[in-house]
């Protein structure tokens, strides 16, 4: 009897229910994935992405929703409404910052400051820190001599000798009563800073992590990283550039593996804009009210020299893309010569075509890259662009001694752009970045000399590509190029 019931009724019923459950779950998942895909596509359209970026995400989200939807939430976001609201609060609190600044002040150069910008100041002091050793010693010196405030934002803080030394100095100064605020990017400093944060907080320092890595921890895509490197001392002197707090970038003595890079010291009124950028990021990460920092936001450091400097903060909290727009403007307006030094070169179509068009006019364009960078995918991706630029007449050079991490654009001896951003779509359109535009001849001359030293240690495009071991296979290059919009 029981065997008959089991064979004739229970097993068929169980099988039917199991099949129905699997059918429901499978189809419900597909429907949910499709709905989420439509919502994501709507968001991508609102963000006004480039066509290549849009179609790359469109393909992966529509045809592989179970994979594409989670990937988009992890890595797809670009602009942040929440971050924009914080930034507007900061701007309101710092409205008086414009007092004493004249964005329309006359300049002696042909390329005027970015139209509509109120972040161009005169009366600044500039100093170049040409390598990782000089930058390390100066950061340590500034930490030790700071009188009341130390603000540092970095993408990477490592637990190596360099990171430990800087953390020890910061903890010491915090214990002595100096206000220390350290802002770390959650991804760049992933699994590196637990002990350091504990030590600093125990000493009385303030530490905040920017943007949790996992998207379930925030309403904002974990793709949005703070790539800025800013160190501000007593709201008067600042060190900026591309160097992280890591032995690969900084150290007390030279090592063969250290990246070739530089930082710059800024002293004077321009530091007010760097402080404003730091505090905007800090208030967001630490979940604090911007009003708490009203006095700091209103403070304008006294003049310290004769350099004219424009500060450009770019990122998902800005409606436009001011850094990208300024680079395009430099490319389109230079008259004689342009030098671009960058560790990675994955440009968007507008920047890429602007270089080609300018090269066709006979202007001198020099592009300098590391022979081998620390990211092999970026090295593979760049050859699609380099081949066409070489054919257009761009002088492409490869730096051979070690990894080249420095970033500088020089145009006609009239303007120099330095900062944290690479010439790739992540830096120009996704990351939070900081850049300085230098308009004074003495500043530009120092940066140009640094660039000439790099070029002297470089080989030509023909020499590099003659070594077939350095060149990627055609299939690999084509495959990586398909992924470029998502990098």
Protein backbone atom coordinates (compact mmCIF):
# COMPACT_ATOMS: atom_id res chain seq x y z
CA UNK A 1 0.00 0.00 0.00
CA UNK A 2 2.65 2.52 1.07
CA UNK A 3 4.87 1.48 -1.84
CA UNK A 4 2.00 2.05 -4.26
CA UNK A 5 1.25 5.51 -2.77
CA UNK A 6 4.92 6.41 -2.95
CA UNK A 7 5.32 5.26 -6.56
CA UNK A 8 2.03 6.48 -7.93
CA UNK A 9 1.43 9.67 -5.95
CA UNK A 10 4.22 10.98 -3.74
CA UNK A 11 7.14 10.67 -6.16
CA UNK A 12 5.26 12.26 -9.13
CA UNK A 13 3.96 15.00 -6.87
CA UNK A 14 7.41 15.68 -5.41
CA UNK A 15 8.94 15.69 -8.88
CA UNK A 16 6.28 18.07 -10.17
CA UNK A 17 6.66 20.44 -7.21
CA UNK A 18 10.44 20.36 -7.58
CA UNK A 19 10.21 21.11 -11.29
CA UNK A 20 7.71 23.89 -10.67
CA UNK A 21 9.96 25.38 -8.00
CA UNK A 22 12.99 25.27 -10.29
CA UNK A 23 10.94 26.76 -13.15
CA UNK A 24 9.66 29.55 -10.89
CA UNK A 25 13.06 30.34 -9.42
CA UNK A 26 14.77 30.25 -12.82
CA UNK A 27 12.22 32.46 -14.49
CA UNK A 28 11.84 34.80 -11.52
CA UNK A 29 15.60 35.27 -11.48
CA UNK A 30 15.64 35.95 -15.20
CA UNK A 31 12.75 38.42 -14.93
CA UNK A 32 14.38 40.16 -11.95
CA UNK A 33 17.67 40.32 -13.83
CA UNK A 34 15.92 41.79 -16.87
CA UNK A 35 14.16 44.45 -14.76
CA UNK A 36 17.40 45.38 -13.04
CA UNK A 37 19.12 45.49 -16.43
CA UNK A 38 16.54 47.97 -17.71
CA UNK A 39 17.02 50.16 -14.62
CA UNK A 40 20.79 50.06 -15.03
CA UNK A 41 20.58 50.90 -18.74
CA UNK A 42 18.40 53.90 -17.83
CA UNK A 43 21.05 55.02 -15.34
CA UNK A 44 23.83 54.57 -17.90
CA UNK A 45 21.89 56.74 -20.36
CA UNK A 46 21.31 59.43 -17.71
CA UNK A 47 25.05 59.51 -16.97
CA UNK A 48 25.67 60.31 -20.67
CA UNK A 49 28.51 57.84 -21.07
CA UNK A 50 30.54 57.50 -24.23
CA UNK A 51 29.03 55.19 -26.89
CA UNK A 52 31.74 52.55 -26.45
CA UNK A 53 31.23 52.49 -22.68
CA UNK A 54 27.45 52.34 -23.09
CA UNK A 55 27.47 49.43 -25.54
CA UNK A 56 30.00 47.48 -23.47
CA UNK A 57 27.74 47.67 -20.41
CA UNK A 58 24.62 47.18 -22.53
CA UNK A 59 25.99 43.90 -23.91
CA UNK A 60 27.05 42.40 -20.60
CA UNK A 61 23.94 43.53 -18.66
CA UNK A 62 21.33 42.47 -21.24
CA UNK A 63 22.83 39.16 -22.37
CA UNK A 64 24.37 38.10 -19.07
CA UNK A 65 22.19 39.84 -16.43
CA UNK A 66 23.10 37.47 -13.60
CA UNK A 67 26.74 38.45 -14.10
CA UNK A 68 26.37 41.94 -15.53
CA UNK A 69 24.03 43.38 -12.88
CA UNK A 70 26.30 42.57 -9.89
CA UNK A 71 29.33 43.76 -11.87
CA UNK A 72 27.64 47.06 -12.61
CA UNK A 73 26.73 47.64 -8.97
CA UNK A 74 30.36 46.86 -8.08
CA UNK A 75 32.14 48.73 -10.85
CA UNK A 76 29.70 50.62 -13.04
CA UNK A 77 28.75 53.83 -11.25
CA UNK A 78 30.18 57.11 -12.43
CA UNK A 79 28.44 60.17 -10.99
CA UNK A 80 27.14 60.38 -7.43
CA UNK A 81 24.14 62.50 -6.51
CA UNK A 82 24.78 61.95 -2.80
CA UNK A 83 28.39 63.10 -3.14
CA UNK A 84 27.19 66.13 -5.12
CA UNK A 85 24.90 67.18 -2.27
CA UNK A 86 27.79 67.02 0.19
CA UNK A 87 29.94 69.06 -2.18
CA UNK A 88 27.25 71.72 -2.54
CA UNK A 89 27.11 72.04 1.24
CA UNK A 90 30.87 72.49 1.29
CA UNK A 91 30.62 75.12 -1.44
CA UNK A 92 27.96 77.03 0.52
CA UNK A 93 30.03 76.90 3.70
CA UNK A 94 33.07 78.15 1.77
CA UNK A 95 31.33 80.88 -0.22
CA UNK A 96 33.54 83.51 1.32
CA UNK A 97 36.54 81.62 -0.05
CA UNK A 98 36.19 83.64 -3.24
CA UNK A 99 36.91 86.86 -1.34
CA UNK A 100 40.34 88.02 -2.43
CA UNK A 101 40.38 85.73 -5.46
CA UNK A 102 39.78 87.05 -8.94
CA UNK A 103 39.13 84.31 -11.48
CA UNK A 104 39.40 86.90 -14.25
CA UNK A 105 42.76 88.28 -13.18
CA UNK A 106 45.03 89.04 -16.16
CA UNK A 107 47.61 86.40 -17.02
CA UNK A 108 50.84 86.74 -18.98
CA UNK A 109 50.28 83.50 -20.89
CA UNK A 110 48.15 82.75 -23.94
CA UNK A 111 46.27 79.89 -22.31
CA UNK A 112 44.09 81.52 -19.71
CA UNK A 113 42.73 79.75 -16.66
CA UNK A 114 39.83 77.37 -17.17
CA UNK A 115 36.76 79.42 -18.11
CA UNK A 116 34.47 79.90 -15.15
CA UNK A 117 37.06 78.67 -12.67
CA UNK A 118 37.53 80.56 -9.41
CA UNK A 119 40.43 78.37 -8.28
CA UNK A 120 43.28 80.26 -9.98
CA UNK A 121 45.43 82.20 -7.52
CA UNK A 122 48.61 84.24 -7.61
CA UNK A 123 51.14 84.71 -4.82
CA UNK A 124 52.05 81.04 -4.40
CA UNK A 125 55.38 79.33 -3.76
CA UNK A 126 56.30 76.26 -5.84
CA UNK A 127 58.92 73.62 -5.17
CA UNK A 128 59.63 70.36 -7.02
CA UNK A 129 60.40 67.13 -5.15
CA UNK A 130 61.93 65.20 -8.06
CA UNK A 131 62.06 61.66 -6.65
CA UNK A 132 60.80 59.31 -3.95
CA UNK A 133 63.61 60.04 -1.53
CA UNK A 134 63.25 63.83 -1.51
CA UNK A 135 59.46 63.52 -1.24
CA UNK A 136 59.72 61.07 1.68
CA UNK A 137 62.13 63.25 3.66
CA UNK A 138 60.03 66.36 3.05
CA UNK A 139 56.78 64.68 4.13
CA UNK A 140 58.47 63.46 7.31
CA UNK A 141 59.91 66.92 7.92
CA UNK A 142 56.54 68.60 7.44
CA UNK A 143 54.83 66.14 9.79
CA UNK A 144 57.46 66.75 12.47
CA UNK A 145 57.32 70.54 12.14
CA UNK A 146 53.54 71.03 11.80
CA UNK A 147 52.25 73.32 14.54
CA UNK A 148 48.54 72.59 14.69
CA UNK A 149 47.03 70.67 11.73
CA UNK A 150 47.97 67.76 9.46
CA UNK A 151 45.55 66.63 6.73
CA UNK A 152 46.57 63.69 4.52
CA UNK A 153 44.59 61.88 1.82
CA UNK A 154 46.15 58.94 -0.01
CA UNK A 155 45.03 56.09 -2.20
CA UNK A 156 47.53 53.58 -0.73
CA UNK A 157 48.97 53.36 2.77
CA UNK A 158 51.10 50.22 3.01
CA UNK A 159 52.34 48.39 6.06
CA UNK A 160 55.92 48.41 4.80
CA UNK A 161 58.83 50.46 6.19
CA UNK A 162 57.60 53.68 4.53
CA UNK A 163 54.03 53.32 5.74
CA UNK A 164 55.09 52.38 9.27
CA UNK A 165 57.47 55.36 9.53
CA UNK A 166 54.81 57.86 8.47
CA UNK A 167 52.18 56.28 10.73
CA UNK A 168 54.61 56.44 13.67
CA UNK A 169 55.28 60.14 13.05
CA UNK A 170 51.56 60.91 12.72
CA UNK A 171 50.79 59.05 15.95
CA UNK A 172 53.57 60.92 17.74
CA UNK A 173 52.28 64.32 16.60
CA UNK A 174 48.67 63.42 17.43
CA UNK A 175 49.74 62.43 20.95
CA UNK A 176 51.45 65.84 21.22
CA UNK A 177 48.19 67.63 20.48
CA UNK A 178 48.41 68.29 16.74
CA UNK A 179 45.12 67.68 14.91
CA UNK A 180 45.74 64.79 12.51
CA UNK A 181 43.19 63.68 9.92
CA UNK A 182 44.11 60.75 7.65
CA UNK A 183 41.78 59.82 4.78
CA UNK A 184 42.39 56.43 3.15
CA UNK A 185 40.73 54.88 0.13
CA UNK A 186 39.13 51.57 1.12
CA UNK A 187 40.22 49.75 -2.03
CA UNK A 188 43.72 51.20 -2.41
CA UNK A 189 44.52 50.47 1.24
CA UNK A 190 42.61 47.19 1.28
CA UNK A 191 43.72 44.82 4.07
CA UNK A 192 46.74 47.02 4.86
CA UNK A 193 45.76 49.48 7.55
CA UNK A 194 43.95 47.81 10.46
CA UNK A 195 46.94 48.04 12.83
CA UNK A 196 47.85 51.53 11.61
CA UNK A 197 44.32 52.85 12.15
CA UNK A 198 44.22 51.40 15.65
CA UNK A 199 47.58 52.97 16.53
CA UNK A 200 46.59 56.38 15.17
CA UNK A 201 43.19 56.48 16.84
CA UNK A 202 44.72 55.39 20.13
CA UNK A 203 47.12 58.35 19.86
CA UNK A 204 44.23 60.76 19.24
CA UNK A 205 44.36 61.02 15.44
CA UNK A 206 41.26 60.90 13.24
CA UNK A 207 41.11 58.27 10.48
CA UNK A 208 38.38 57.76 7.88
CA UNK A 209 37.97 55.21 5.09
CA UNK A 210 36.65 56.48 1.78
CA UNK A 211 33.91 54.42 0.08
CA UNK A 212 33.54 50.84 1.37
CA UNK A 213 34.65 48.25 -1.17
CA UNK A 214 31.48 46.16 -0.98
CA UNK A 215 28.47 47.93 -2.54
CA UNK A 216 26.09 46.50 0.07
CA UNK A 217 27.80 48.80 2.59
CA UNK A 218 26.82 51.94 0.71
CA UNK A 219 24.26 53.26 -1.74
CA UNK A 220 27.08 54.34 -4.07
CA UNK A 221 29.04 52.15 -6.49
CA UNK A 222 32.29 50.83 -5.05
CA UNK A 223 33.80 51.72 -8.41
CA UNK A 224 34.19 55.33 -7.28
CA UNK A 225 37.66 55.54 -5.74
CA UNK A 226 39.51 58.46 -4.17
CA UNK A 227 42.78 58.51 -6.11
CA UNK A 228 43.90 61.90 -4.75
CA UNK A 229 47.20 62.37 -2.96
CA UNK A 230 47.09 65.49 -0.79
CA UNK A 231 49.10 66.34 2.32
CA UNK A 232 48.35 69.73 3.93
CA UNK A 233 50.26 71.13 6.88
CA UNK A 234 48.94 73.98 9.05
CA UNK A 235 46.53 74.89 6.21
CA UNK A 236 49.45 76.69 4.55
CA UNK A 237 51.78 74.20 2.84
CA UNK A 238 50.70 71.25 0.71
CA UNK A 239 52.35 68.33 -1.04
CA UNK A 240 50.51 66.84 -4.02
CA UNK A 241 51.31 64.52 -6.91
CA UNK A 242 51.03 60.84 -7.72
CA UNK A 243 53.09 59.24 -4.95
CA UNK A 244 51.38 56.92 -2.45
CA UNK A 245 52.59 56.20 1.09
CA UNK A 246 54.30 53.01 0.01
CA UNK A 247 57.95 51.97 -0.35
CA UNK A 248 57.46 51.56 -4.12
CA UNK A 249 56.91 55.34 -4.25
CA UNK A 250 58.69 56.82 -1.22
CA UNK A 251 61.60 55.91 1.01
CA UNK A 252 64.59 57.17 2.90
CA UNK A 253 67.15 55.57 0.56
CA UNK A 254 67.06 54.68 -3.14
CA UNK A 255 66.02 51.17 -4.20
CA UNK A 256 66.08 49.71 -7.70
CA UNK A 257 62.36 48.85 -7.67
CA UNK A 258 61.16 52.34 -6.73
CA UNK A 259 58.84 53.96 -9.26
CA UNK A 260 60.08 57.11 -10.98
CA UNK A 261 57.73 59.86 -9.84
CA UNK A 262 57.65 63.32 -8.29
CA UNK A 263 55.58 65.54 -6.03
CA UNK A 264 55.24 69.30 -5.73
CA UNK A 265 55.06 71.65 -2.77
CA UNK A 266 52.51 74.46 -2.90
CA UNK A 267 52.47 77.24 -0.34
CA UNK A 268 50.10 80.18 -0.32
CA UNK A 269 46.50 80.98 -1.36
CA UNK A 270 46.14 77.91 -3.64
CA UNK A 271 46.29 75.70 -0.54
CA UNK A 272 42.85 77.01 0.44
CA UNK A 273 41.36 75.14 -2.54
CA UNK A 274 43.25 71.98 -1.66
CA UNK A 275 41.93 72.24 1.90
CA UNK A 276 38.43 72.71 0.55
CA UNK A 277 38.76 69.55 -1.57
CA UNK A 278 40.17 67.53 1.32
CA UNK A 279 37.43 68.62 3.74
CA UNK A 280 34.70 67.84 1.20
CA UNK A 281 36.02 64.28 0.93
CA UNK A 282 36.59 64.03 4.67
CA UNK A 283 33.09 65.22 5.63
CA UNK A 284 31.61 62.64 3.26
CA UNK A 285 33.78 59.72 4.44
CA UNK A 286 33.59 60.57 8.15
CA UNK A 287 29.84 61.38 7.94
CA UNK A 288 30.39 64.80 9.50
CA UNK A 289 28.68 68.11 8.87
CA UNK A 290 30.67 70.50 6.65
CA UNK A 291 29.56 73.33 8.95
CA UNK A 292 31.96 71.91 11.54
CA UNK A 293 34.85 73.18 9.41
CA UNK A 294 33.61 76.67 8.63
CA UNK A 295 36.72 78.42 9.96
CA UNK A 296 39.06 76.17 7.97
CA UNK A 297 36.99 76.61 4.80
CA UNK A 298 37.07 80.39 5.13
CA UNK A 299 40.81 80.55 5.80
CA UNK A 300 42.93 81.97 2.95
CA UNK A 301 46.69 81.50 3.47
CA UNK A 302 48.88 84.54 2.97
CA UNK A 303 50.95 84.95 -0.18
CA UNK A 304 54.27 83.15 -0.26
CA UNK A 305 55.72 83.66 -3.73
CA UNK A 306 54.99 84.67 -7.31
CA UNK A 307 53.54 81.49 -8.85
CA UNK A 308 50.13 81.43 -10.53
CA UNK A 309 48.40 78.10 -9.89
CA UNK A 310 44.97 76.71 -10.71
CA UNK A 311 43.55 73.82 -8.65
CA UNK A 312 41.30 71.33 -10.46
CA UNK A 313 39.31 68.80 -8.43
CA UNK A 314 37.60 66.27 -10.67
CA UNK A 315 35.35 63.35 -9.84
CA UNK A 316 31.86 61.87 -9.51
CA UNK A 317 30.75 64.78 -7.30
CA UNK A 318 31.19 67.26 -10.18
CA UNK A 319 28.51 67.69 -12.84
CA UNK A 320 31.05 68.03 -15.68
CA UNK A 321 34.53 66.60 -16.21
CA UNK A 322 36.77 69.65 -15.65
CA UNK A 323 40.09 67.83 -15.70
CA UNK A 324 39.30 66.07 -18.98
CA UNK A 325 37.99 69.33 -20.45
CA UNK A 326 41.18 71.15 -19.50
CA UNK A 327 43.39 68.46 -21.06
CA UNK A 328 41.34 68.60 -24.27
CA UNK A 329 41.65 72.38 -24.25
CA UNK A 330 45.45 72.22 -23.86
CA UNK A 331 45.73 69.73 -26.73
CA UNK A 332 43.52 71.76 -29.04
CA UNK A 333 45.10 75.14 -28.26
CA UNK A 334 48.85 74.51 -28.04
CA UNK A 335 50.77 76.13 -30.89
CA UNK A 336 54.22 74.49 -31.08
CA UNK A 337 55.03 71.59 -28.77
CA UNK A 338 53.22 69.28 -26.37
CA UNK A 339 54.75 66.71 -24.02
CA UNK A 340 52.63 64.13 -22.17
CA UNK A 341 54.20 61.83 -19.59
CA UNK A 342 51.87 59.23 -18.06
CA UNK A 343 52.18 55.68 -16.70
CA UNK A 344 49.05 54.41 -18.49
CA UNK A 345 47.55 55.53 -21.79
CA UNK A 346 43.97 54.46 -22.50
CA UNK A 347 42.34 57.65 -23.82
CA UNK A 348 38.72 58.29 -24.70
CA UNK A 349 37.88 58.85 -28.35
CA UNK A 350 37.79 62.66 -28.16
CA UNK A 351 41.22 62.95 -26.55
CA UNK A 352 42.65 60.34 -28.91
CA UNK A 353 41.32 62.00 -32.07
CA UNK A 354 42.38 65.45 -30.83
CA UNK A 355 45.99 64.21 -30.64
CA UNK A 356 45.79 62.71 -34.12
CA UNK A 357 44.30 65.86 -35.65
CA UNK A 358 46.92 68.04 -33.99
CA UNK A 359 49.74 65.72 -35.11
CA UNK A 360 48.48 65.98 -38.69
CA UNK A 361 48.99 69.77 -38.53
CA UNK A 362 52.73 69.22 -38.04
CA UNK A 363 52.90 70.25 -34.38
CA UNK A 364 55.42 68.47 -32.17
CA UNK A 365 53.77 65.98 -29.82
CA UNK A 366 55.83 63.74 -27.56
CA UNK A 367 54.22 60.94 -25.54
CA UNK A 368 56.37 59.21 -22.88
CA UNK A 369 55.33 55.93 -21.23
CA UNK A 370 57.05 53.23 -19.17
CA UNK A 371 58.42 50.39 -21.29
CA UNK A 372 56.69 48.05 -18.86
CA UNK A 373 54.19 49.33 -16.31
CA UNK A 374 52.92 47.52 -13.22
CA UNK A 375 49.63 46.69 -15.01
CA UNK A 376 50.09 44.35 -17.96
CA UNK A 377 46.50 44.76 -19.19
CA UNK A 378 47.02 48.51 -19.50
CA UNK A 379 50.23 47.85 -21.46
CA UNK A 380 48.37 45.59 -23.88
CA UNK A 381 45.47 48.03 -24.27
CA UNK A 382 47.68 51.00 -25.15
CA UNK A 383 49.08 49.57 -28.40
CA UNK A 384 45.79 50.00 -30.27
CA UNK A 385 46.20 53.75 -29.75
CA UNK A 386 49.99 54.00 -29.98
CA UNK A 387 50.11 52.39 -33.41
CA UNK A 388 47.79 55.02 -34.88
CA UNK A 389 49.47 57.90 -33.06
CA UNK A 390 52.86 56.80 -34.38
CA UNK A 391 51.47 56.72 -37.93
CA UNK A 392 50.08 60.24 -37.40
CA UNK A 393 53.54 61.54 -36.47
CA UNK A 394 53.48 61.53 -32.66
CA UNK A 395 56.95 60.97 -31.14
CA UNK A 396 56.37 58.06 -28.73
CA UNK A 397 59.09 57.24 -26.19
CA UNK A 398 59.40 54.42 -23.66
CA UNK A 399 61.18 54.97 -20.35
CA UNK A 400 63.44 51.98 -19.67
CA UNK A 401 65.11 52.13 -16.21
CA UNK A 402 62.04 51.20 -14.12
CA UNK A 403 58.32 51.80 -13.71
CA UNK A 404 57.45 55.39 -14.65
CA UNK A 405 54.60 56.66 -12.47
CA UNK A 406 54.99 60.44 -12.93
CA UNK A 407 52.28 62.45 -14.68
CA UNK A 408 52.86 65.80 -16.36
CA UNK A 409 51.60 67.66 -19.43
CA UNK A 410 53.70 70.54 -20.80
CA UNK A 411 52.50 72.87 -23.57
CA UNK A 412 54.55 75.57 -25.34
CA UNK A 413 56.43 76.48 -22.14
CA UNK A 414 53.28 78.31 -21.06
CA UNK A 415 51.35 75.77 -19.00
CA UNK A 416 52.09 72.60 -17.03
CA UNK A 417 49.54 70.17 -15.61
CA UNK A 418 50.54 67.86 -12.75
CA UNK A 419 48.63 65.75 -10.25
CA UNK A 420 47.21 62.33 -9.49
CA UNK A 421 45.40 61.56 -12.78
CA UNK A 422 46.60 59.21 -15.49
CA UNK A 423 45.63 59.50 -19.15
CA UNK A 424 43.01 56.77 -18.94
CA UNK A 425 39.24 56.69 -18.73
CA UNK A 426 39.18 55.71 -15.07
CA UNK A 427 41.18 58.74 -13.97
CA UNK A 428 39.43 61.17 -16.30
CA UNK A 429 35.83 60.03 -15.80
CA UNK A 430 35.47 57.85 -12.67
CA UNK A 431 38.03 58.51 -9.94
CA UNK A 432 38.24 61.46 -7.58
CA UNK A 433 41.42 63.20 -8.76
CA UNK A 434 43.34 66.40 -8.01
CA UNK A 435 45.47 68.40 -10.44
CA UNK A 436 47.43 71.66 -10.46
CA UNK A 437 47.86 73.89 -13.50
CA UNK A 438 51.05 75.94 -13.35
CA UNK A 439 51.25 79.13 -15.42
CA UNK A 440 54.51 80.67 -14.15
CA UNK A 441 57.67 80.33 -16.25
CA UNK A 442 59.90 79.32 -13.32
CA UNK A 443 57.55 76.49 -12.27
CA UNK A 444 57.23 75.21 -15.83
CA UNK A 445 61.02 75.31 -16.33
CA UNK A 446 61.59 73.00 -13.34
CA UNK A 447 58.94 70.56 -14.52
CA UNK A 448 60.30 70.66 -18.05
CA UNK A 449 63.80 69.80 -16.78
CA UNK A 450 62.34 66.78 -14.93
CA UNK A 451 60.64 65.72 -18.17
CA UNK A 452 63.85 66.10 -20.17
CA UNK A 453 65.65 63.79 -17.72
CA UNK A 454 62.95 61.17 -18.28
CA UNK A 455 63.16 61.52 -22.07
CA UNK A 456 66.95 61.10 -21.93
CA UNK A 457 66.43 57.63 -20.42
CA UNK A 458 63.86 56.59 -23.02
CA UNK A 459 63.93 54.66 -26.30
CA UNK A 460 61.91 55.29 -29.44
CA UNK A 461 58.72 53.53 -30.51
CA UNK A 462 60.59 51.78 -33.31
CA UNK A 463 63.20 50.41 -30.90
CA UNK A 464 60.58 49.16 -28.47
CA UNK A 465 58.30 47.50 -31.02
CA UNK A 466 61.25 45.80 -32.72
CA UNK A 467 61.43 43.56 -29.64
CA UNK A 468 58.62 41.09 -30.39
CA UNK A 469 58.68 39.78 -26.82
CA UNK A 470 57.30 43.13 -25.67
CA UNK A 471 54.43 43.14 -28.15
CA UNK A 472 51.14 41.39 -27.33
CA UNK A 473 49.60 38.82 -29.65
CA UNK A 474 47.04 40.33 -32.01
CA UNK A 475 44.19 38.23 -30.58
CA UNK A 476 45.09 39.27 -27.02
CA UNK A 477 45.26 42.93 -28.03
CA UNK A 478 41.86 42.77 -29.74
CA UNK A 479 40.27 41.01 -26.78
CA UNK A 480 41.63 43.52 -24.28
CA UNK A 481 40.53 46.40 -26.51
CA UNK A 482 36.91 45.17 -26.22
CA UNK A 483 37.22 45.52 -22.44
CA UNK A 484 38.81 48.98 -22.54
CA UNK A 485 35.51 50.86 -21.85
CA UNK A 486 35.11 48.87 -18.63
CA UNK A 487 38.69 49.27 -17.35
